[in-house]
């Protein structure tokens, strides 16, 4: 696929998603727009380790990760002032309290919608 300029261009992105097909789709979108996927973490523990070990400019978080929710990951990202987007099939009012006020894109997401939210966060 040809690379295009977009909000992810040159940005290091963490993808915390436990569904392999969705994670790969998110990776393709980020990379198509020139972003760098630092890691794809299907679990809370993996995502937390990535936040500790890697420089990250933006995170894409599913609410449910295989072993729990992304609340602890969101807490760690906020402590480091790393922006994140909640990408989930849940309605906003069904999200855990910590995630309700976060930037949000509903699944099934449209790539342009996700890119628009990323552009707002990344300037």
C-alpha atoms as a PDB file:
ATOM      1  CA  UNK A   1       0.000   0.000   0.000  1.00  0.00           C
ATOM      2  CA  UNK A   2       1.162   3.495  -0.737  1.00  0.00           C
ATOM      3  CA  UNK A   3       1.993   5.706   2.197  1.00  0.00           C
ATOM      4  CA  UNK A   4      -0.027   8.885   2.563  1.00  0.00           C
ATOM      5  CA  UNK A   5       0.461  11.909   4.790  1.00  0.00           C
ATOM      6  CA  UNK A   6      -1.888  12.006   7.725  1.00  0.00           C
ATOM      7  CA  UNK A   7      -2.072  12.789  11.416  1.00  0.00           C
ATOM      8  CA  UNK A   8      -0.078   9.669  12.281  1.00  0.00           C
ATOM      9  CA  UNK A   9       2.859  10.694  10.088  1.00  0.00           C
ATOM     10  CA  UNK A  10       6.090  10.272  12.046  1.00  0.00           C
ATOM     11  CA  UNK A  11       4.199   9.463  15.275  1.00  0.00           C
ATOM     12  CA  UNK A  12       4.893   6.457  17.507  1.00  0.00           C
ATOM     13  CA  UNK A  13       1.634   4.654  18.240  1.00  0.00           C
ATOM     14  CA  UNK A  14       0.717   2.002  20.806  1.00  0.00           C
ATOM     15  CA  UNK A  15      -2.217  -0.198  19.830  1.00  0.00           C
ATOM     16  CA  UNK A  16      -3.898  -1.912  22.802  1.00  0.00           C
ATOM     17  CA  UNK A  17      -6.413  -4.246  21.169  1.00  0.00           C
ATOM     18  CA  UNK A  18      -7.090  -7.924  21.885  1.00  0.00           C
ATOM     19  CA  UNK A  19      -8.813  -8.731  18.588  1.00  0.00           C
ATOM     20  CA  UNK A  20      -6.047  -9.636  16.151  1.00  0.00           C
ATOM     21  CA  UNK A  21      -7.941  -8.615  13.007  1.00  0.00           C
ATOM     22  CA  UNK A  22      -8.875  -5.213  14.400  1.00  0.00           C
ATOM     23  CA  UNK A  23      -5.330  -4.677  15.686  1.00  0.00           C
ATOM     24  CA  UNK A  24      -3.927  -5.447  12.227  1.00  0.00           C
ATOM     25  CA  UNK A  25      -6.448  -3.102  10.617  1.00  0.00           C
ATOM     26  CA  UNK A  26      -5.412  -0.321  13.010  1.00  0.00           C
ATOM     27  CA  UNK A  27      -1.748  -1.042  12.296  1.00  0.00           C
ATOM     28  CA  UNK A  28      -2.363  -0.797   8.559  1.00  0.00           C
ATOM     29  CA  UNK A  29      -4.140   2.539   8.965  1.00  0.00           C
ATOM     30  CA  UNK A  30      -1.366   4.016  11.129  1.00  0.00           C
ATOM     31  CA  UNK A  31       1.415   2.776   8.856  1.00  0.00           C
ATOM     32  CA  UNK A  32      -0.410   3.828   5.669  1.00  0.00           C
ATOM     33  CA  UNK A  33      -0.395   7.363   7.073  1.00  0.00           C
ATOM     34  CA  UNK A  34       3.316   7.236   7.888  1.00  0.00           C
ATOM     35  CA  UNK A  35       3.028   6.354  11.572  1.00  0.00           C
ATOM     36  CA  UNK A  36       5.188   3.897  13.460  1.00  0.00           C
ATOM     37  CA  UNK A  37       3.447   1.183  15.461  1.00  0.00           C
ATOM     38  CA  UNK A  38       5.650   0.784  18.532  1.00  0.00           C
ATOM     39  CA  UNK A  39       3.833  -2.295  19.769  1.00  0.00           C
ATOM     40  CA  UNK A  40       0.507  -4.070  19.524  1.00  0.00           C
ATOM     41  CA  UNK A  41      -0.523  -5.196  22.996  1.00  0.00           C
ATOM     42  CA  UNK A  42      -3.494  -7.541  23.443  1.00  0.00           C
ATOM     43  CA  UNK A  43      -3.399  -7.393  27.254  1.00  0.00           C
ATOM     44  CA  UNK A  44      -3.374  -4.777  29.986  1.00  0.00           C
ATOM     45  CA  UNK A  45       0.000  -6.020  31.236  1.00  0.00           C
ATOM     46  CA  UNK A  46       1.511  -5.810  27.751  1.00  0.00           C
ATOM     47  CA  UNK A  47       0.175  -2.308  27.179  1.00  0.00           C
ATOM     48  CA  UNK A  48       1.436  -1.113  30.582  1.00  0.00           C
ATOM     49  CA  UNK A  49       4.878  -2.562  29.859  1.00  0.00           C
ATOM     50  CA  UNK A  50       4.912  -0.783  26.495  1.00  0.00           C
ATOM     51  CA  UNK A  51       4.067   2.550  28.133  1.00  0.00           C
ATOM     52  CA  UNK A  52       6.979   2.022  30.549  1.00  0.00           C
ATOM     53  CA  UNK A  53       9.522   0.906  27.957  1.00  0.00           C
ATOM     54  CA  UNK A  54       8.756   2.796  24.762  1.00  0.00           C
ATOM     55  CA  UNK A  55       8.433   6.394  23.656  1.00  0.00           C
ATOM     56  CA  UNK A  56       4.817   6.764  22.552  1.00  0.00           C
ATOM     57  CA  UNK A  57       3.105   9.781  20.988  1.00  0.00           C
ATOM     58  CA  UNK A  58      -0.427   8.354  20.902  1.00  0.00           C
ATOM     59  CA  UNK A  59      -2.255   5.225  22.028  1.00  0.00           C
ATOM     60  CA  UNK A  60      -5.314   3.538  20.542  1.00  0.00           C
ATOM     61  CA  UNK A  61      -7.145   1.669  23.319  1.00  0.00           C
ATOM     62  CA  UNK A  62      -9.880  -0.898  23.190  1.00  0.00           C
ATOM     63  CA  UNK A  63     -11.886  -0.852  26.428  1.00  0.00           C
ATOM     64  CA  UNK A  64     -11.730  -4.611  26.936  1.00  0.00           C
ATOM     65  CA  UNK A  65      -8.342  -6.214  26.717  1.00  0.00           C
ATOM     66  CA  UNK A  66      -8.098  -9.986  27.063  1.00  0.00           C
ATOM     67  CA  UNK A  67      -7.481  -9.881  30.799  1.00  0.00           C
ATOM     68  CA  UNK A  68      -9.456  -6.833  31.897  1.00  0.00           C
ATOM     69  CA  UNK A  69     -10.074  -3.233  30.913  1.00  0.00           C
ATOM     70  CA  UNK A  70      -7.843  -0.470  29.633  1.00  0.00           C
ATOM     71  CA  UNK A  71      -8.418   1.715  32.711  1.00  0.00           C
ATOM     72  CA  UNK A  72      -4.941   1.132  34.163  1.00  0.00           C
ATOM     73  CA  UNK A  73      -3.394   1.796  30.767  1.00  0.00           C
ATOM     74  CA  UNK A  74      -5.347   5.066  30.456  1.00  0.00           C
ATOM     75  CA  UNK A  75      -4.194   6.047  33.959  1.00  0.00           C
ATOM     76  CA  UNK A  76      -0.538   5.411  33.026  1.00  0.00           C
ATOM     77  CA  UNK A  77      -0.895   7.341  29.768  1.00  0.00           C
ATOM     78  CA  UNK A  78      -2.493  10.314  31.505  1.00  0.00           C
ATOM     79  CA  UNK A  79       0.281  10.354  34.117  1.00  0.00           C
ATOM     80  CA  UNK A  80       2.784  10.687  31.234  1.00  0.00           C
ATOM     81  CA  UNK A  81       0.605  13.157  29.325  1.00  0.00           C
ATOM     82  CA  UNK A  82       0.353  10.791  26.357  1.00  0.00           C
ATOM     83  CA  UNK A  83      -2.899  11.282  24.429  1.00  0.00           C
ATOM     84  CA  UNK A  84      -5.075   8.305  23.655  1.00  0.00           C
ATOM     85  CA  UNK A  85      -8.212   7.461  21.726  1.00  0.00           C
ATOM     86  CA  UNK A  86     -10.706   4.890  22.980  1.00  0.00           C
ATOM     87  CA  UNK A  87     -11.633   2.708  19.994  1.00  0.00           C
ATOM     88  CA  UNK A  88     -14.443   0.413  21.099  1.00  0.00           C
ATOM     89  CA  UNK A  89     -17.755  -1.202  20.292  1.00  0.00           C
ATOM     90  CA  UNK A  90     -19.239   0.070  23.556  1.00  0.00           C
ATOM     91  CA  UNK A  91     -21.420   3.179  23.711  1.00  0.00           C
ATOM     92  CA  UNK A  92     -19.796   6.072  25.557  1.00  0.00           C
ATOM     93  CA  UNK A  93     -22.199   5.716  28.501  1.00  0.00           C
ATOM     94  CA  UNK A  94     -21.177   2.047  28.816  1.00  0.00           C
ATOM     95  CA  UNK A  95     -17.500   2.894  29.305  1.00  0.00           C
ATOM     96  CA  UNK A  96     -15.733   2.705  32.660  1.00  0.00           C
ATOM     97  CA  UNK A  97     -15.786   6.152  34.336  1.00  0.00           C
ATOM     98  CA  UNK A  98     -12.093   6.859  33.683  1.00  0.00           C
ATOM     99  CA  UNK A  99     -12.607   6.440  29.924  1.00  0.00           C
ATOM    100  CA  UNK A 100     -15.913   8.297  29.448  1.00  0.00           C
ATOM    101  CA  UNK A 101     -14.333  11.706  28.908  1.00  0.00           C
ATOM    102  CA  UNK A 102     -11.563  10.452  26.616  1.00  0.00           C
ATOM    103  CA  UNK A 103     -11.554  11.007  22.857  1.00  0.00           C
ATOM    104  CA  UNK A 104     -13.728   8.233  21.453  1.00  0.00           C
ATOM    105  CA  UNK A 105     -14.301   6.440  18.154  1.00  0.00           C
ATOM    106  CA  UNK A 106     -16.956   3.724  17.936  1.00  0.00           C
ATOM    107  CA  UNK A 107     -16.360   0.402  16.202  1.00  0.00           C
ATOM    108  CA  UNK A 108     -16.812  -0.320  13.462  1.00  0.00           C
ATOM    109  CA  UNK A 109     -14.775   2.815  12.916  1.00  0.00           C
ATOM    110  CA  UNK A 110     -14.280   4.723   9.719  1.00  0.00           C
ATOM    111  CA  UNK A 111     -10.586   5.380   8.996  1.00  0.00           C
ATOM    112  CA  UNK A 112     -11.280   9.055   8.248  1.00  0.00           C
ATOM    113  CA  UNK A 113     -13.085   9.421  11.590  1.00  0.00           C
ATOM    114  CA  UNK A 114     -10.180   7.916  13.520  1.00  0.00           C
ATOM    115  CA  UNK A 115      -7.707  10.067  11.571  1.00  0.00           C
ATOM    116  CA  UNK A 116      -9.762  13.196  12.334  1.00  0.00           C
ATOM    117  CA  UNK A 117      -9.710  12.517  16.083  1.00  0.00           C
ATOM    118  CA  UNK A 118      -5.974  11.749  15.935  1.00  0.00           C
ATOM    119  CA  UNK A 119      -5.394  15.038  14.088  1.00  0.00           C
ATOM    120  CA  UNK A 120      -7.127  16.954  16.896  1.00  0.00           C
ATOM    121  CA  UNK A 121      -4.967  15.273  19.534  1.00  0.00           C
ATOM    122  CA  UNK A 122      -1.667  15.438  17.684  1.00  0.00           C
ATOM    123  CA  UNK A 123      -2.029  18.914  16.197  1.00  0.00           C
END
